[in-house]
Amino acid sequence: MAFQKGKIAFGIKRYFELLGIYARMDLASLMRDGKFTALVILSDIVSNISSVSGVFLLAWKFGGIGGMDRFEVLFMLAYGNIVMGFLNMIGGCNAIFPSRIIGRGQWEHMFIMPLPYGVQLTVGIFPFTGSSSFLSGVGILWVAVCHMEMALPWWWLFMLILQLLISMVIVTAFSYLFSSLAFYAPVQCEEIASTVVYSMEHTRSFPLTGMPVYIRYPLLTIFPAGLMAWFPTMILLGKTAAFETFYPAVFAVMISLTAGYFFRKGFRYYVKKGINRYVAGGHRS
């Protein structure tokens, strides 16, 4: 028992050490050519703002969309940017796209590393160079909140942070759920995680308030793009029933448990069968 506790403590300690190492590497990359990197980040921020401007301009022209006024729509768009922006910062390389690691045969490389898988998945964090979407989302959110007429209670900020975390858990769990297919079909499913996540990202920008139920409900259950921005926004704006406030958290727990079950099941299959993506010369087929 003492050995197991020591192993867990070592894994946690090493996890944060690796986070610091990758953060310093990312900062070094930023400072190596500060002018070029600043231009890249600025252009990314402009691009991220432009990506939400279409829906916001429609809301501005018509005074709102689906029962949400202009700045409530802007809040929803900013919320979605923060969710994906933060996920890109902490796992934009491969951590939130595990099907890439599995499909490319890199999961087998992790077998021989003397660290838990969760620690090894810290690779690829970009807290500085990958912050453009997050920063633009925070800026847009601030503008939206400043123009909304509702009075915000003292605990509202904590509720916002909690809903953001829940949305990130849902996106990550959904990615890992579909990535479990890569254990069975590594070549065909190598990019299934990125396809699923990017599809959710592109769908999150549309308010679902005025949508018919046969469109809205699937986007809150089967393909939960509505839980990336729209439904949490409705909760934060006080436009849902009291019992609906807990739905994202309950869904996050259920999808996480489901993803964990199928991912472990696929992993056990993978351990028995392995992957055959390398030819004799060591190149990936």
Protein backbone atom coordinates (compact mmCIF):
# COMPACT_ATOMS: atom_id res chain seq x y z
CA MET A 1 0.00 0.00 0.00
CA ALA A 2 2.82 2.40 0.90
CA PHE A 3 4.56 1.56 -2.39
CA GLN A 4 1.37 2.27 -4.34
CA LYS A 5 0.89 5.63 -2.60
CA GLY A 6 4.50 6.52 -3.31
CA LYS A 7 4.05 5.60 -6.96
CA ILE A 8 0.94 7.79 -7.25
CA ALA A 9 2.69 10.68 -5.49
CA PHE A 10 5.64 10.34 -7.86
CA GLY A 11 3.31 10.32 -10.87
CA ILE A 12 1.53 13.48 -9.72
CA LYS A 13 4.82 15.21 -8.94
CA ARG A 14 6.27 14.24 -12.31
CA TYR A 15 3.08 15.36 -14.06
CA PHE A 16 3.45 18.93 -12.82
CA GLU A 17 7.19 18.88 -13.46
CA LEU A 18 6.55 17.96 -17.08
CA LEU A 19 3.90 20.67 -17.37
CA GLY A 20 6.51 23.18 -16.24
CA ILE A 21 9.10 21.83 -18.69
CA TYR A 22 6.74 22.03 -21.67
CA ALA A 23 5.57 25.48 -20.60
CA ARG A 24 9.18 26.72 -20.51
CA MET A 25 9.84 25.15 -23.92
CA ASP A 26 6.76 26.88 -25.31
CA LEU A 27 7.87 30.20 -23.80
CA ALA A 28 11.35 29.72 -25.28
CA SER A 29 9.76 29.16 -28.67
CA LEU A 30 7.79 32.36 -28.20
CA MET A 31 10.83 34.42 -27.17
CA ARG A 32 13.10 33.02 -29.88
CA ASP A 33 11.50 35.26 -32.46
CA GLY A 34 9.15 37.46 -30.52
CA LYS A 35 8.13 39.67 -33.43
CA PHE A 36 7.12 36.79 -35.67
CA THR A 37 5.31 34.96 -32.86
CA ALA A 38 3.46 38.11 -31.81
CA LEU A 39 2.24 38.54 -35.38
CA VAL A 40 1.12 34.91 -35.48
CA ILE A 41 -0.77 35.20 -32.18
CA LEU A 42 -2.34 38.49 -33.23
CA SER A 43 -3.44 37.04 -36.56
CA ASP A 44 -4.90 34.02 -34.74
CA ILE A 45 -6.84 36.31 -32.41
CA VAL A 46 -8.21 38.25 -35.38
CA SER A 47 -9.10 34.95 -37.05
CA ASN A 48 -10.89 33.69 -33.93
CA ILE A 49 -12.85 36.92 -33.60
CA SER A 50 -13.77 36.71 -37.28
CA SER A 51 -14.97 33.14 -36.84
CA VAL A 52 -17.72 34.27 -34.45
CA SER A 53 -18.58 37.50 -36.23
CA GLY A 54 -20.96 35.88 -38.74
CA VAL A 55 -23.43 34.61 -36.15
CA PHE A 56 -23.05 37.77 -34.06
CA LEU A 57 -23.75 40.03 -37.04
CA LEU A 58 -26.91 38.04 -37.75
CA ALA A 59 -27.93 38.52 -34.12
CA TRP A 60 -27.12 42.23 -34.38
CA LYS A 61 -29.19 42.68 -37.53
CA PHE A 62 -32.26 40.89 -36.15
CA GLY A 63 -31.90 42.06 -32.54
CA GLY A 64 -31.10 38.56 -31.33
CA ILE A 65 -31.59 34.93 -32.29
CA GLY A 66 -33.93 32.36 -30.78
CA GLY A 67 -34.89 34.30 -27.68
CA MET A 68 -31.33 35.45 -27.00
CA ASP A 69 -30.43 39.10 -27.46
CA ARG A 70 -27.31 40.31 -29.24
CA PHE A 71 -24.89 40.21 -26.36
CA GLU A 72 -26.25 36.95 -25.01
CA VAL A 73 -25.39 35.42 -28.39
CA LEU A 74 -21.96 37.05 -28.16
CA PHE A 75 -21.53 35.55 -24.68
CA MET A 76 -22.33 32.09 -26.04
CA LEU A 77 -19.80 32.48 -28.85
CA ALA A 78 -17.12 33.63 -26.41
CA TYR A 79 -17.88 30.73 -24.07
CA GLY A 80 -17.28 28.24 -26.90
CA ASN A 81 -14.01 29.94 -27.80
CA ILE A 82 -12.78 29.67 -24.22
CA VAL A 83 -13.63 25.96 -24.04
CA MET A 84 -11.78 25.03 -27.22
CA GLY A 85 -9.03 27.57 -26.60
CA PHE A 86 -8.15 26.11 -23.22
CA LEU A 87 -8.27 22.55 -24.54
CA ASN A 88 -5.93 23.55 -27.36
CA MET A 89 -3.54 25.09 -24.84
CA ILE A 90 -3.30 22.01 -22.63
CA GLY A 91 -3.68 19.25 -25.20
CA GLY A 92 -3.78 20.66 -28.70
CA CYS A 93 -1.02 18.41 -29.94
CA ASN A 94 -2.37 14.92 -29.27
CA ALA A 95 -3.65 14.69 -25.70
CA ILE A 96 -7.24 15.48 -26.68
CA PHE A 97 -6.87 13.48 -29.91
CA PRO A 98 -5.71 10.08 -28.57
CA SER A 99 -6.77 8.28 -31.74
CA ARG A 100 -3.72 9.86 -33.39
CA ILE A 101 -1.40 8.33 -30.80
CA ILE A 102 -3.06 4.94 -31.13
CA GLY A 103 -3.38 4.97 -34.91
CA ARG A 104 0.24 5.96 -35.47
CA GLY A 105 1.57 3.20 -33.24
CA GLN A 106 2.85 5.69 -30.70
CA TRP A 107 0.80 4.12 -27.92
CA GLU A 108 3.20 1.17 -27.98
CA HIS A 109 6.08 3.59 -27.39
CA MET A 110 4.38 4.55 -24.13
CA PHE A 111 4.58 0.95 -22.87
CA ILE A 112 8.30 1.20 -22.17
CA MET A 113 8.23 4.63 -20.55
CA PRO A 114 8.51 4.51 -16.72
CA LEU A 115 5.57 6.89 -16.28
CA PRO A 116 1.77 6.47 -16.16
CA TYR A 117 -0.10 7.16 -19.37
CA GLY A 118 -1.79 10.24 -17.92
CA VAL A 119 1.61 11.78 -17.18
CA GLN A 120 2.92 11.01 -20.65
CA LEU A 121 -0.12 12.70 -22.21
CA THR A 122 1.10 16.05 -20.89
CA VAL A 123 3.22 16.32 -24.04
CA GLY A 124 2.08 19.02 -26.41
CA ILE A 125 0.81 21.79 -24.13
CA PHE A 126 1.03 25.29 -25.57
CA PRO A 127 0.12 27.76 -22.79
CA PHE A 128 1.70 30.69 -24.64
CA THR A 129 1.80 30.09 -28.39
CA GLY A 130 -1.55 28.29 -28.33
CA SER A 131 -3.41 30.88 -26.27
CA SER A 132 -4.95 32.94 -29.08
CA SER A 133 -8.40 31.32 -29.04
CA PHE A 134 -8.54 31.41 -25.24
CA LEU A 135 -7.49 35.06 -25.05
CA SER A 136 -9.92 36.13 -27.75
CA GLY A 137 -12.70 34.22 -25.97
CA VAL A 138 -11.96 35.92 -22.65
CA GLY A 139 -11.92 39.34 -24.33
CA ILE A 140 -15.20 38.75 -26.15
CA LEU A 141 -16.77 37.38 -22.97
CA TRP A 142 -15.79 40.52 -21.08
CA VAL A 143 -17.39 42.70 -23.74
CA ALA A 144 -20.57 40.62 -23.67
CA VAL A 145 -20.87 40.69 -19.87
CA CYS A 146 -20.31 44.45 -19.78
CA HIS A 147 -23.23 44.99 -22.19
CA MET A 148 -25.70 42.57 -20.63
CA GLU A 149 -28.41 44.09 -18.49
CA MET A 150 -28.81 41.26 -15.96
CA ALA A 151 -27.39 41.71 -12.46
CA LEU A 152 -24.81 39.02 -11.72
CA PRO A 153 -24.64 37.57 -8.17
CA TRP A 154 -21.31 37.14 -6.39
CA TRP A 155 -21.20 33.39 -7.06
CA TRP A 156 -21.79 33.77 -10.80
CA LEU A 157 -18.05 33.73 -11.64
CA PHE A 158 -17.60 30.42 -9.82
CA MET A 159 -20.59 29.02 -11.72
CA LEU A 160 -19.01 30.19 -14.99
CA ILE A 161 -15.72 28.45 -14.21
CA LEU A 162 -17.56 25.27 -13.18
CA GLN A 163 -19.60 25.20 -16.39
CA LEU A 164 -16.47 25.77 -18.46
CA LEU A 165 -14.76 22.82 -16.76
CA ILE A 166 -17.82 20.62 -17.31
CA SER A 167 -17.92 21.52 -21.01
CA MET A 168 -14.22 20.68 -21.36
CA VAL A 169 -14.77 17.32 -19.66
CA ILE A 170 -17.60 16.52 -22.08
CA VAL A 171 -15.52 17.37 -25.15
CA THR A 172 -12.52 15.37 -23.88
CA ALA A 173 -14.62 12.36 -22.86
CA PHE A 174 -16.41 12.34 -26.22
CA SER A 175 -13.03 12.39 -27.97
CA TYR A 176 -11.75 9.46 -25.90
CA LEU A 177 -14.99 7.54 -26.44
CA PHE A 178 -14.60 7.64 -30.21
CA SER A 179 -10.83 7.17 -29.96
CA SER A 180 -11.45 3.73 -28.47
CA LEU A 181 -12.35 2.63 -32.00
CA ALA A 182 -8.74 3.24 -33.03
CA PHE A 183 -7.67 0.25 -30.93
CA TYR A 184 -9.65 -1.97 -33.32
CA ALA A 185 -9.06 -0.08 -36.60
CA PRO A 186 -5.93 2.08 -36.15
CA VAL A 187 -5.46 3.05 -39.80
CA GLN A 188 -9.08 3.94 -40.49
CA CYS A 189 -9.70 5.71 -37.17
CA GLU A 190 -6.42 7.58 -36.75
CA GLU A 191 -8.12 10.98 -37.11
CA ILE A 192 -11.56 10.11 -35.77
CA ALA A 193 -11.01 12.14 -32.57
CA SER A 194 -10.10 15.32 -34.43
CA THR A 195 -13.06 14.85 -36.79
CA VAL A 196 -15.46 14.50 -33.86
CA VAL A 197 -14.03 17.40 -31.85
CA TYR A 198 -13.82 19.78 -34.81
CA SER A 199 -17.36 18.85 -35.84
CA MET A 200 -18.55 19.77 -32.34
CA GLU A 201 -16.54 22.99 -32.50
CA HIS A 202 -18.13 24.03 -35.80
CA THR A 203 -21.63 23.17 -34.59
CA ARG A 204 -21.40 24.92 -31.22
CA SER A 205 -21.81 28.42 -32.70
CA PHE A 206 -25.53 28.16 -33.37
CA PRO A 207 -28.17 29.01 -30.74
CA LEU A 208 -30.54 26.07 -30.37
CA THR A 209 -33.37 27.91 -28.63
CA GLY A 210 -35.52 28.21 -31.73
CA MET A 211 -34.61 24.83 -33.19
CA PRO A 212 -37.22 22.05 -33.35
CA VAL A 213 -36.85 19.34 -30.73
CA TYR A 214 -35.71 16.71 -33.25
CA ILE A 215 -32.64 18.87 -33.88
CA ARG A 216 -32.10 20.29 -30.40
CA TYR A 217 -32.31 17.05 -28.39
CA PRO A 218 -29.77 15.07 -30.44
CA LEU A 219 -27.33 18.00 -30.06
CA LEU A 220 -27.70 17.68 -26.29
CA THR A 221 -27.40 13.89 -26.12
CA ILE A 222 -26.13 11.86 -29.08
CA PHE A 223 -23.82 14.56 -30.41
CA PRO A 224 -23.54 17.03 -27.50
CA ALA A 225 -22.36 20.12 -29.38
CA GLY A 226 -25.08 22.05 -27.56
CA LEU A 227 -23.29 21.41 -24.27
CA MET A 228 -20.16 23.16 -25.52
CA ALA A 229 -21.70 26.62 -25.42
CA TRP A 230 -25.47 27.02 -25.88
CA PHE A 231 -26.90 25.08 -22.93
CA PRO A 232 -24.27 26.28 -20.39
CA THR A 233 -24.98 29.83 -21.58
CA MET A 234 -28.70 29.34 -20.96
CA ILE A 235 -27.88 28.11 -17.45
CA LEU A 236 -25.58 31.04 -16.71
CA LEU A 237 -28.19 33.48 -18.00
CA GLY A 238 -30.89 31.94 -15.81
CA LYS A 239 -32.99 30.78 -18.75
CA THR A 240 -33.36 27.13 -17.75
CA ALA A 241 -35.45 25.35 -15.16
CA ALA A 242 -33.81 24.61 -11.81
CA PHE A 243 -33.52 20.85 -12.44
CA GLU A 244 -31.93 21.45 -15.86
CA THR A 245 -29.01 23.22 -14.20
CA PHE A 246 -27.53 19.85 -13.24
CA TYR A 247 -27.89 18.24 -16.64
CA PRO A 248 -24.40 19.11 -18.03
CA ALA A 249 -22.71 17.79 -14.87
CA VAL A 250 -24.72 14.56 -14.94
CA PHE A 251 -24.02 14.13 -18.64
CA ALA A 252 -20.30 14.78 -18.08
CA VAL A 253 -20.16 12.02 -15.44
CA MET A 254 -22.07 9.56 -17.63
CA ILE A 255 -20.04 10.21 -20.79
CA SER A 256 -16.78 10.05 -18.80
CA LEU A 257 -17.70 6.67 -17.30
CA THR A 258 -18.77 5.38 -20.71
CA ALA A 259 -15.60 6.63 -22.38
CA GLY A 260 -13.46 5.12 -19.62
CA TYR A 261 -15.17 1.74 -19.99
CA PHE A 262 -14.83 1.50 -23.76
CA PHE A 263 -11.32 2.97 -23.78
CA ARG A 264 -10.09 0.37 -21.27
CA LYS A 265 -11.87 -2.37 -23.21
CA GLY A 266 -10.23 -1.26 -26.44
CA PHE A 267 -6.88 -1.03 -24.69
CA ARG A 268 -7.15 -4.63 -23.46
CA TYR A 269 -7.86 -5.71 -27.04
CA TYR A 270 -4.90 -3.66 -28.25
CA VAL A 271 -2.56 -5.28 -25.73
CA LYS A 272 -3.47 -8.70 -27.12
CA LYS A 273 -3.42 -7.81 -30.81
CA GLY A 274 -0.97 -4.89 -31.05
CA ILE A 275 -0.65 -2.80 -34.17
CA ASN A 276 0.91 -3.57 -37.53
CA ARG A 277 1.73 -0.17 -38.95
CA TYR A 278 5.48 -0.51 -39.32
CA VAL A 279 7.40 -2.14 -42.16
CA ALA A 280 10.80 -3.77 -41.73
CA GLY A 281 12.64 -0.45 -42.22
CA GLY A 282 10.77 1.10 -39.30
CA HIS A 283 8.55 3.41 -41.38
CA ARG A 284 4.82 3.67 -40.77
CA SER A 285 2.75 2.01 -43.45
